[in-house]
C-alpha atoms as a PDB file:
ATOM      1  CA  MET A   1      92.288 112.823  82.952  1.00  0.00           C
ATOM      2  CA  THR A   2      94.382 112.227  86.073  1.00  0.00           C
ATOM      3  CA  ALA A   3      97.295 109.820  86.122  1.00  0.00           C
ATOM      4  CA  SER A   4      96.908 106.726  88.231  1.00  0.00           C
ATOM      5  CA  SER A   5      99.232 106.258  91.170  1.00  0.00           C
ATOM      6  CA  ASP A   6     100.652 102.938  92.337  1.00  0.00           C
ATOM      7  CA  VAL A   7     101.064 104.354  95.836  1.00  0.00           C
ATOM      8  CA  THR A   8      98.447 103.107  98.273  1.00  0.00           C
ATOM      9  CA  PRO A   9      97.552 105.652 100.952  1.00  0.00           C
ATOM     10  CA  PRO A  10      98.204 104.490 104.511  1.00  0.00           C
ATOM     11  CA  GLY A  11      95.218 103.100 106.376  1.00  0.00           C
ATOM     12  CA  TRP A  12      93.522 105.136 109.039  1.00  0.00           C
ATOM     13  CA  THR A  13      94.396 104.293 112.650  1.00  0.00           C
ATOM     14  CA  ASP A  14      91.839 105.017 115.326  1.00  0.00           C
ATOM     15  CA  PRO A  15      93.518 107.203 117.986  1.00  0.00           C
ATOM     16  CA  ASP A  16      91.597 105.302 120.673  1.00  0.00           C
ATOM     17  CA  GLU A  17      93.415 102.090 119.641  1.00  0.00           C
ATOM     18  CA  ALA A  18      96.908 103.623 119.684  1.00  0.00           C
ATOM     19  CA  VAL A  19      99.396 102.211 122.169  1.00  0.00           C
ATOM     20  CA  GLU A  20     100.000 104.481 125.155  1.00  0.00           C
ATOM     21  CA  TRP A  21     103.558 105.650 125.722  1.00  0.00           C
ATOM     22  CA  SER A  22     105.064 104.857 129.103  1.00  0.00           C
ATOM     23  CA  ASP A  23     106.899 107.462 131.195  1.00  0.00           C
ATOM     24  CA  GLU A  24     110.156 105.630 130.441  1.00  0.00           C
ATOM     25  CA  VAL A  25     109.632 105.945 126.664  1.00  0.00           C
ATOM     26  CA  LEU A  26     108.636 109.595 126.975  1.00  0.00           C
ATOM     27  CA  SER A  27     111.761 110.338 129.025  1.00  0.00           C
ATOM     28  CA  ARG A  28     113.920 109.095 126.099  1.00  0.00           C
ATOM     29  CA  ALA A  29     111.931 110.891 123.371  1.00  0.00           C
ATOM     30  CA  GLU A  30     113.112 114.028 121.603  1.00  0.00           C
ATOM     31  CA  LEU A  31     111.574 117.208 122.995  1.00  0.00           C
ATOM     32  CA  ARG A  32     110.975 120.084 120.546  1.00  0.00           C
ATOM     33  CA  ASP A  33     109.562 123.579 120.526  1.00  0.00           C
ATOM     34  CA  GLY A  34     108.676 124.097 116.878  1.00  0.00           C
ATOM     35  CA  ASP A  35     111.885 123.557 114.897  1.00  0.00           C
ATOM     36  CA  ARG A  36     114.124 123.980 117.954  1.00  0.00           C
ATOM     37  CA  ILE A  37     115.304 120.797 119.707  1.00  0.00           C
ATOM     38  CA  LEU A  38     115.129 121.253 123.476  1.00  0.00           C
ATOM     39  CA  ARG A  39     116.326 117.726 124.309  1.00  0.00           C
ATOM     40  CA  PRO A  40     117.647 115.156 121.810  1.00  0.00           C
ATOM     41  CA  ALA A  41     116.387 111.588 121.895  1.00  0.00           C
ATOM     42  CA  SER A  42     118.428 109.097 123.873  1.00  0.00           C
ATOM     43  CA  GLY A  43     118.614 105.356 124.316  1.00  0.00           C
ATOM     44  CA  THR A  44     117.077 102.855 121.912  1.00  0.00           C
ATOM     45  CA  LEU A  45     115.102 105.493 120.037  1.00  0.00           C
ATOM     46  CA  THR A  46     118.326 106.685 118.398  1.00  0.00           C
ATOM     47  CA  LYS A  47     119.699 103.242 117.456  1.00  0.00           C
ATOM     48  CA  ARG A  48     118.495 101.754 114.203  1.00  0.00           C
ATOM     49  CA  GLY A  49     119.125  98.406 112.634  1.00  0.00           C
ATOM     50  CA  ARG A  50     120.787  95.313 113.933  1.00  0.00           C
ATOM     51  CA  PRO A  51     123.531  95.516 116.515  1.00  0.00           C
ATOM     52  CA  PRO A  52     127.031  95.224 115.031  1.00  0.00           C
ATOM     53  CA  LEU A  53     128.529  91.726 114.966  1.00  0.00           C
ATOM     54  CA  ASP A  54     131.796  90.921 116.741  1.00  0.00           C
ATOM     55  CA  ASN A  55     133.043  89.026 113.689  1.00  0.00           C
ATOM     56  CA  PRO A  56     131.092  90.212 110.608  1.00  0.00           C
ATOM     57  CA  LYS A  57     131.315  88.394 107.280  1.00  0.00           C
ATOM     58  CA  ARG A  58     133.179  90.062 104.428  1.00  0.00           C
ATOM     59  CA  GLN A  59     132.259  90.007 100.771  1.00  0.00           C
ATOM     60  CA  VAL A  60     134.792  88.452  98.403  1.00  0.00           C
ATOM     61  CA  THR A  61     134.937  87.492  94.742  1.00  0.00           C
ATOM     62  CA  LEU A  62     135.536  83.811  94.136  1.00  0.00           C
ATOM     63  CA  ARG A  63     135.653  81.867  90.864  1.00  0.00           C
ATOM     64  CA  LEU A  64     134.136  78.377  90.966  1.00  0.00           C
ATOM     65  CA  ASP A  65     133.587  75.724  88.310  1.00  0.00           C
ATOM     66  CA  SER A  66     130.177  76.058  86.659  1.00  0.00           C
ATOM     67  CA  ASP A  67     129.057  72.512  87.465  1.00  0.00           C
ATOM     68  CA  LEU A  68     130.022  72.944  91.137  1.00  0.00           C
ATOM     69  CA  LEU A  69     128.195  76.263  91.395  1.00  0.00           C
ATOM     70  CA  ASP A  70     125.086  74.845  89.685  1.00  0.00           C
ATOM     71  CA  GLN A  71     125.008  71.923  92.100  1.00  0.00           C
ATOM     72  CA  LEU A  72     125.357  74.195  95.151  1.00  0.00           C
ATOM     73  CA  ARG A  73     122.664  76.599  93.936  1.00  0.00           C
ATOM     74  CA  ALA A  74     120.339  73.671  93.233  1.00  0.00           C
ATOM     75  CA  THR A  75     120.250  72.936  96.979  1.00  0.00           C
ATOM     76  CA  GLY A  76     117.992  75.981  97.410  1.00  0.00           C
ATOM     77  CA  PRO A  77     118.055  79.129  99.526  1.00  0.00           C
ATOM     78  CA  GLY A  78     120.969  79.362 101.930  1.00  0.00           C
ATOM     79  CA  TRP A  79     123.473  77.846  99.496  1.00  0.00           C
ATOM     80  CA  GLN A  80     126.021  80.600 100.225  1.00  0.00           C
ATOM     81  CA  SER A  81     125.883  79.862 103.960  1.00  0.00           C
ATOM     82  CA  ARG A  82     126.344  76.172 103.186  1.00  0.00           C
ATOM     83  CA  ILE A  83     129.462  77.034 101.151  1.00  0.00           C
ATOM     84  CA  ASN A  84     130.737  78.950 104.167  1.00  0.00           C
ATOM     85  CA  ASP A  85     130.134  75.911 106.400  1.00  0.00           C
ATOM     86  CA  LEU A  86     131.854  73.566 103.919  1.00  0.00           C
ATOM     87  CA  LEU A  87     134.897  75.819 103.719  1.00  0.00           C
ATOM     88  CA  ARG A  88     135.107  76.123 107.522  1.00  0.00           C
ATOM     89  CA  LYS A  89     135.082  72.304 107.826  1.00  0.00           C
ATOM     90  CA  ALA A  90     137.674  71.913 105.056  1.00  0.00           C
ATOM     91  CA  VAL A  91     140.042  74.393 106.696  1.00  0.00           C
ATOM     92  CA  GLY A  92     139.343  73.099 110.196  1.00  0.00           C
ATOM     93  CA  VAL A  93     137.947  76.291 111.707  1.00  0.00           C
END
Protein backbone atom coordinates (compact mmCIF):
# COMPACT_ATOMS: atom_id res chain seq x y z
CA MET A 1 0.00 0.00 0.00
CA THR A 2 1.30 3.48 -0.81
CA ALA A 3 1.55 6.20 1.80
CA SER A 4 -0.75 9.16 1.40
CA SER A 5 0.78 12.55 0.80
CA ASP A 6 -0.54 15.83 2.17
CA VAL A 7 1.11 17.69 -0.70
CA THR A 8 -1.34 18.81 -3.36
CA PRO A 9 0.15 18.87 -6.85
CA PRO A 10 0.10 22.28 -8.53
CA GLY A 11 -2.76 22.91 -10.93
CA TRP A 12 -2.18 22.85 -14.64
CA THR A 13 -1.84 26.23 -16.37
CA ASP A 14 -2.80 26.48 -20.01
CA PRO A 15 0.19 27.94 -21.91
CA ASP A 16 -2.23 29.92 -24.08
CA GLU A 17 -3.42 31.80 -20.96
CA ALA A 18 0.07 32.66 -19.71
CA VAL A 19 0.99 36.33 -19.49
CA GLU A 20 3.34 37.47 -22.25
CA TRP A 21 6.67 38.92 -21.18
CA SER A 22 7.45 42.41 -22.42
CA ASP A 23 10.80 43.33 -24.00
CA GLU A 24 11.61 45.34 -20.87
CA VAL A 25 11.12 42.30 -18.60
CA LEU A 26 13.11 40.07 -20.93
CA SER A 27 15.98 42.57 -20.98
CA ARG A 28 16.27 42.24 -17.16
CA ALA A 29 15.95 38.43 -17.08
CA GLU A 30 18.85 36.07 -16.51
CA LEU A 31 20.25 34.59 -19.71
CA ARG A 32 21.68 31.05 -19.52
CA ASP A 33 23.25 28.47 -21.79
CA GLY A 34 22.67 25.24 -19.90
CA ASP A 35 24.27 25.68 -16.47
CA ARG A 36 26.40 28.64 -17.59
CA ILE A 37 25.07 32.14 -16.82
CA LEU A 38 25.65 34.42 -19.80
CA ARG A 39 23.99 37.48 -18.23
CA PRO A 40 22.78 37.76 -14.61
CA ALA A 41 19.35 39.15 -13.85
CA SER A 42 19.13 42.84 -13.06
CA GLY A 43 16.58 45.26 -11.68
CA THR A 44 13.49 44.21 -9.75
CA LEU A 45 13.87 40.54 -10.64
CA THR A 46 16.77 40.30 -8.19
CA LYS A 47 15.12 42.16 -5.28
CA ARG A 48 12.90 40.13 -3.00
CA GLY A 49 10.75 41.15 -0.10
CA ARG A 50 9.77 44.52 1.22
CA PRO A 51 12.04 47.50 0.82
CA PRO A 52 14.07 48.29 3.95
CA LEU A 53 12.55 50.85 6.32
CA ASP A 54 14.37 54.07 7.21
CA ASN A 55 13.55 53.57 10.89
CA PRO A 56 12.78 49.86 11.50
CA LYS A 57 11.28 48.64 14.77
CA ARG A 58 13.48 46.65 17.13
CA GLN A 59 12.46 43.70 19.25
CA VAL A 60 12.83 44.10 23.01
CA THR A 61 11.87 42.15 26.11
CA LEU A 62 9.55 44.01 28.45
CA ARG A 63 7.90 42.84 31.68
CA LEU A 64 4.35 44.08 32.25
CA ASP A 65 1.79 43.41 34.97
CA SER A 66 -0.45 40.46 34.11
CA ASP A 67 -3.71 42.41 34.43
CA LEU A 68 -2.38 45.18 32.16
CA LEU A 69 -1.19 42.70 29.54
CA ASP A 70 -4.51 40.80 29.64
CA GLN A 71 -6.44 44.02 29.12
CA LEU A 72 -4.26 45.07 26.17
CA ARG A 73 -4.47 41.65 24.51
CA ALA A 74 -8.25 41.64 24.97
CA THR A 75 -8.47 44.59 22.56
CA GLY A 76 -7.76 42.17 19.70
CA PRO A 77 -5.23 41.97 16.88
CA GLY A 78 -2.84 44.90 16.69
CA TRP A 79 -2.47 45.22 20.46
CA GLN A 80 1.33 45.45 20.19
CA SER A 81 1.07 48.37 17.76
CA ARG A 82 -1.37 50.05 20.14
CA ILE A 83 1.19 49.65 22.96
CA ASN A 84 3.74 51.32 20.70
CA ASP A 85 1.34 54.22 20.07
CA LEU A 86 0.57 54.59 23.80
CA LEU A 87 4.26 54.67 24.67
CA ARG A 88 5.00 57.25 21.94
CA LYS A 89 2.24 59.51 23.34
CA ALA A 90 3.46 59.04 26.93
CA VAL A 91 7.03 59.96 26.01
CA GLY A 92 5.96 62.75 23.68
CA VAL A 93 7.47 61.41 20.47
